[in-house]
């Protein structure tokens, strides 16, 4: 049961990262690193965190503006 839950968590997180990439691309925003946080995957029963990546101040402003829309 734990393994199945973990698998579903990872699959869901991967799907969300794809959705986030597509939404950011549509808004003309690119982040240097987006994906699943490797540390959160290392747990016995992983339930991953989505890592947004580091970005410039300008990119952060563009993200904030896109979210407000």
Protein backbone atom coordinates (compact mmCIF):
# COMPACT_ATOMS: atom_id res chain seq x y z
CA UNK A 1 0.00 0.00 0.00
CA UNK A 2 2.81 2.46 0.91
CA UNK A 3 4.66 1.72 -2.32
CA UNK A 4 1.54 2.34 -4.40
CA UNK A 5 0.84 5.60 -2.55
CA UNK A 6 4.44 6.70 -3.13
CA UNK A 7 4.23 5.84 -6.81
CA UNK A 8 1.03 7.88 -7.15
CA UNK A 9 2.63 10.82 -5.32
CA UNK A 10 5.62 10.81 -7.66
CA UNK A 11 3.46 10.47 -10.77
CA UNK A 12 1.19 13.30 -9.63
CA UNK A 13 4.19 15.52 -8.88
CA UNK A 14 5.69 14.81 -12.32
CA UNK A 15 2.37 15.72 -13.96
CA UNK A 16 2.18 18.97 -12.00
CA UNK A 17 5.73 19.89 -13.05
CA UNK A 18 4.71 19.38 -16.69
CA UNK A 19 1.65 21.59 -16.16
CA UNK A 20 3.77 24.25 -14.47
CA UNK A 21 6.33 24.19 -17.30
CA UNK A 22 3.56 24.60 -19.89
CA UNK A 23 1.86 27.42 -17.99
CA UNK A 24 5.11 29.30 -17.47
CA UNK A 25 6.10 28.82 -21.13
CA UNK A 26 2.71 30.19 -22.20
CA UNK A 27 3.39 33.27 -20.06
CA UNK A 28 6.86 33.57 -21.63
CA UNK A 29 8.64 32.62 -18.41
CA UNK A 30 11.51 30.20 -18.18
CA UNK A 31 13.08 29.04 -14.92
CA UNK A 32 16.58 27.56 -14.87
CA UNK A 33 15.53 24.49 -12.93
CA UNK A 34 12.12 22.99 -12.47
CA UNK A 35 11.44 19.51 -11.37
CA UNK A 36 11.13 17.24 -8.41
CA UNK A 37 13.24 17.89 -5.34
CA UNK A 38 15.67 14.95 -5.16
CA UNK A 39 15.92 15.05 -1.37
CA UNK A 40 12.17 14.56 -1.00
CA UNK A 41 12.40 11.52 -3.31
CA UNK A 42 15.00 9.87 -1.10
CA UNK A 43 12.54 9.08 1.69
CA UNK A 44 11.41 5.51 2.30
CA UNK A 45 7.93 6.49 1.13
CA UNK A 46 8.56 9.46 -1.18
CA UNK A 47 6.02 12.21 -1.51
CA UNK A 48 8.01 14.68 -3.60
CA UNK A 49 8.19 18.44 -3.44
CA UNK A 50 8.18 20.48 -6.63
CA UNK A 51 11.27 22.63 -7.01
CA UNK A 52 10.64 25.88 -8.87
CA UNK A 53 14.26 26.75 -9.34
CA UNK A 54 16.32 29.83 -8.91
CA UNK A 55 15.48 32.88 -10.96
CA UNK A 56 16.36 36.51 -11.47
CA UNK A 57 14.44 39.38 -9.93
CA UNK A 58 12.91 40.14 -13.34
CA UNK A 59 11.68 36.56 -13.72
CA UNK A 60 10.22 36.67 -10.21
CA UNK A 61 8.35 39.86 -11.15
CA UNK A 62 6.99 38.19 -14.29
CA UNK A 63 5.82 35.20 -12.26
CA UNK A 64 4.09 37.48 -9.76
CA UNK A 65 2.38 39.40 -12.59
CA UNK A 66 1.24 36.16 -14.26
CA UNK A 67 -0.21 34.85 -11.03
CA UNK A 68 -2.16 38.05 -10.40
CA UNK A 69 -3.85 37.90 -13.82
